[in-house]
């Protein structure tokens, strides 16, 4: 997972809203981020002159998300770890949708 600052937010981040704290809500947020990566990967591949380095970066980010998604599904994470994942993905979602 790319380094992101922990900015608490909801599964559809908007300033000041609480972040999801249950694993199901966090899984939804991770799925949303994976979908954003998928859209960007497809757009990059379809561009007239795809940037291979950027494409690789996007694919690495997506793979990290999938790994986190699998960790969440395995139920091996405690509540504190789920909250950390939620904060990271809220920040990543915000970065991907505003930047």
C-alpha atoms as a PDB file:
ATOM      1  CA  UNK A   1       0.000   0.000   0.000  1.00  0.00           C
ATOM      2  CA  UNK A   2       1.475   3.382  -0.900  1.00  0.00           C
ATOM      3  CA  UNK A   3       2.295   5.589   2.075  1.00  0.00           C
ATOM      4  CA  UNK A   4      -0.587   7.892   2.896  1.00  0.00           C
ATOM      5  CA  UNK A   5      -1.136  10.083   5.899  1.00  0.00           C
ATOM      6  CA  UNK A   6      -3.935   8.956   8.189  1.00  0.00           C
ATOM      7  CA  UNK A   7      -6.815  11.352   7.582  1.00  0.00           C
ATOM      8  CA  UNK A   8      -9.980   9.950   9.159  1.00  0.00           C
ATOM      9  CA  UNK A   9     -12.949  10.025   6.798  1.00  0.00           C
ATOM     10  CA  UNK A  10     -15.997   7.974   5.894  1.00  0.00           C
ATOM     11  CA  UNK A  11     -16.177   5.356   3.150  1.00  0.00           C
ATOM     12  CA  UNK A  12     -17.029   8.280   0.866  1.00  0.00           C
ATOM     13  CA  UNK A  13     -14.564  10.706   2.415  1.00  0.00           C
ATOM     14  CA  UNK A  14     -15.781  14.201   3.101  1.00  0.00           C
ATOM     15  CA  UNK A  15     -14.167  16.564   5.541  1.00  0.00           C
ATOM     16  CA  UNK A  16     -14.615  15.722   9.176  1.00  0.00           C
ATOM     17  CA  UNK A  17     -16.806  12.634   8.858  1.00  0.00           C
ATOM     18  CA  UNK A  18     -15.793   9.564  10.888  1.00  0.00           C
ATOM     19  CA  UNK A  19     -13.922   6.757   9.176  1.00  0.00           C
ATOM     20  CA  UNK A  20     -15.481   3.302   8.882  1.00  0.00           C
ATOM     21  CA  UNK A  21     -14.520   1.169  11.861  1.00  0.00           C
ATOM     22  CA  UNK A  22     -16.030  -2.205  11.019  1.00  0.00           C
ATOM     23  CA  UNK A  23     -14.295  -4.580   8.636  1.00  0.00           C
ATOM     24  CA  UNK A  24     -17.255  -4.671   6.212  1.00  0.00           C
ATOM     25  CA  UNK A  25     -17.250  -0.906   5.730  1.00  0.00           C
ATOM     26  CA  UNK A  26     -13.472  -0.904   5.353  1.00  0.00           C
ATOM     27  CA  UNK A  27     -13.735  -3.675   2.745  1.00  0.00           C
ATOM     28  CA  UNK A  28     -16.201  -1.503   0.819  1.00  0.00           C
ATOM     29  CA  UNK A  29     -13.752   1.391   0.941  1.00  0.00           C
ATOM     30  CA  UNK A  30     -10.905  -0.841  -0.278  1.00  0.00           C
ATOM     31  CA  UNK A  31     -13.137  -2.056  -3.144  1.00  0.00           C
ATOM     32  CA  UNK A  32     -13.808   1.571  -4.108  1.00  0.00           C
ATOM     33  CA  UNK A  33     -10.083   2.315  -4.199  1.00  0.00           C
ATOM     34  CA  UNK A  34      -9.436  -0.820  -6.286  1.00  0.00           C
ATOM     35  CA  UNK A  35     -12.123   0.372  -8.710  1.00  0.00           C
ATOM     36  CA  UNK A  36     -10.442   3.786  -8.963  1.00  0.00           C
ATOM     37  CA  UNK A  37      -7.101   2.129  -9.702  1.00  0.00           C
ATOM     38  CA  UNK A  38      -8.802  -0.046 -12.352  1.00  0.00           C
ATOM     39  CA  UNK A  39     -10.286   3.030 -14.044  1.00  0.00           C
ATOM     40  CA  UNK A  40      -6.907   4.779 -14.082  1.00  0.00           C
ATOM     41  CA  UNK A  41      -5.099   1.692 -15.366  1.00  0.00           C
ATOM     42  CA  UNK A  42      -7.583   1.322 -18.221  1.00  0.00           C
ATOM     43  CA  UNK A  43      -7.364   5.018 -19.063  1.00  0.00           C
ATOM     44  CA  UNK A  44      -3.564   4.874 -19.119  1.00  0.00           C
ATOM     45  CA  UNK A  45      -3.570   1.781 -21.334  1.00  0.00           C
ATOM     46  CA  UNK A  46      -6.012   3.440 -23.739  1.00  0.00           C
ATOM     47  CA  UNK A  47      -4.063   6.687 -23.999  1.00  0.00           C
ATOM     48  CA  UNK A  48      -2.282   7.472 -27.251  1.00  0.00           C
ATOM     49  CA  UNK A  49       1.116   7.375 -25.527  1.00  0.00           C
ATOM     50  CA  UNK A  50       0.842   5.312 -22.321  1.00  0.00           C
ATOM     51  CA  UNK A  51       3.388   6.104 -19.631  1.00  0.00           C
ATOM     52  CA  UNK A  52       4.744   2.661 -18.709  1.00  0.00           C
ATOM     53  CA  UNK A  53       6.258   3.863 -15.419  1.00  0.00           C
ATOM     54  CA  UNK A  54       2.951   5.405 -14.348  1.00  0.00           C
ATOM     55  CA  UNK A  55       1.087   2.290 -15.449  1.00  0.00           C
ATOM     56  CA  UNK A  56       3.404   0.116 -13.345  1.00  0.00           C
ATOM     57  CA  UNK A  57       2.905   2.432 -10.363  1.00  0.00           C
ATOM     58  CA  UNK A  58      -0.865   2.159 -10.715  1.00  0.00           C
ATOM     59  CA  UNK A  59      -0.699  -1.619 -11.009  1.00  0.00           C
ATOM     60  CA  UNK A  60       1.527  -1.884  -7.933  1.00  0.00           C
ATOM     61  CA  UNK A  61      -0.929   0.256  -5.982  1.00  0.00           C
ATOM     62  CA  UNK A  62      -3.803  -1.940  -7.098  1.00  0.00           C
ATOM     63  CA  UNK A  63      -1.918  -5.114  -6.110  1.00  0.00           C
ATOM     64  CA  UNK A  64      -1.273  -3.658  -2.649  1.00  0.00           C
ATOM     65  CA  UNK A  65      -4.991  -2.917  -2.313  1.00  0.00           C
ATOM     66  CA  UNK A  66      -5.873  -6.472  -3.270  1.00  0.00           C
ATOM     67  CA  UNK A  67      -3.430  -7.792  -0.661  1.00  0.00           C
ATOM     68  CA  UNK A  68      -5.037  -5.566   1.980  1.00  0.00           C
ATOM     69  CA  UNK A  69      -8.476  -6.718   0.857  1.00  0.00           C
ATOM     70  CA  UNK A  70      -7.420 -10.337   1.376  1.00  0.00           C
ATOM     71  CA  UNK A  71      -6.035  -9.507   4.832  1.00  0.00           C
ATOM     72  CA  UNK A  72      -9.355  -7.903   5.786  1.00  0.00           C
ATOM     73  CA  UNK A  73     -11.280 -10.952   4.562  1.00  0.00           C
ATOM     74  CA  UNK A  74      -9.058 -13.315   6.529  1.00  0.00           C
ATOM     75  CA  UNK A  75     -10.214 -11.707   9.805  1.00  0.00           C
ATOM     76  CA  UNK A  76      -6.627 -11.787  11.074  1.00  0.00           C
ATOM     77  CA  UNK A  77      -6.701  -8.065  11.833  1.00  0.00           C
ATOM     78  CA  UNK A  78      -7.642  -6.669  15.198  1.00  0.00           C
ATOM     79  CA  UNK A  79      -9.795  -3.552  15.643  1.00  0.00           C
ATOM     80  CA  UNK A  80      -6.774  -1.230  15.817  1.00  0.00           C
ATOM     81  CA  UNK A  81      -5.373  -2.636  12.573  1.00  0.00           C
ATOM     82  CA  UNK A  82      -8.757  -2.310  10.859  1.00  0.00           C
ATOM     83  CA  UNK A  83      -8.872   1.342  11.932  1.00  0.00           C
ATOM     84  CA  UNK A  84      -5.363   1.900  10.540  1.00  0.00           C
ATOM     85  CA  UNK A  85      -6.374   0.359   7.215  1.00  0.00           C
ATOM     86  CA  UNK A  86      -9.528   2.500   7.215  1.00  0.00           C
ATOM     87  CA  UNK A  87      -7.538   5.684   7.777  1.00  0.00           C
ATOM     88  CA  UNK A  88      -5.010   4.808   5.052  1.00  0.00           C
ATOM     89  CA  UNK A  89      -7.720   4.020   2.530  1.00  0.00           C
ATOM     90  CA  UNK A  90      -9.792   7.071   3.372  1.00  0.00           C
ATOM     91  CA  UNK A  91      -6.726   9.202   2.660  1.00  0.00           C
ATOM     92  CA  UNK A  92      -5.913   7.263  -0.509  1.00  0.00           C
ATOM     93  CA  UNK A  93      -9.516   7.527  -1.735  1.00  0.00           C
ATOM     94  CA  UNK A  94      -9.457  11.277  -1.139  1.00  0.00           C
ATOM     95  CA  UNK A  95      -6.124  11.618  -2.988  1.00  0.00           C
ATOM     96  CA  UNK A  96      -7.339   9.563  -5.945  1.00  0.00           C
ATOM     97  CA  UNK A  97     -10.625  11.442  -6.262  1.00  0.00           C
ATOM     98  CA  UNK A  98      -9.252  14.950  -5.810  1.00  0.00           C
ATOM     99  CA  UNK A  99      -5.854  14.693  -7.450  1.00  0.00           C
END
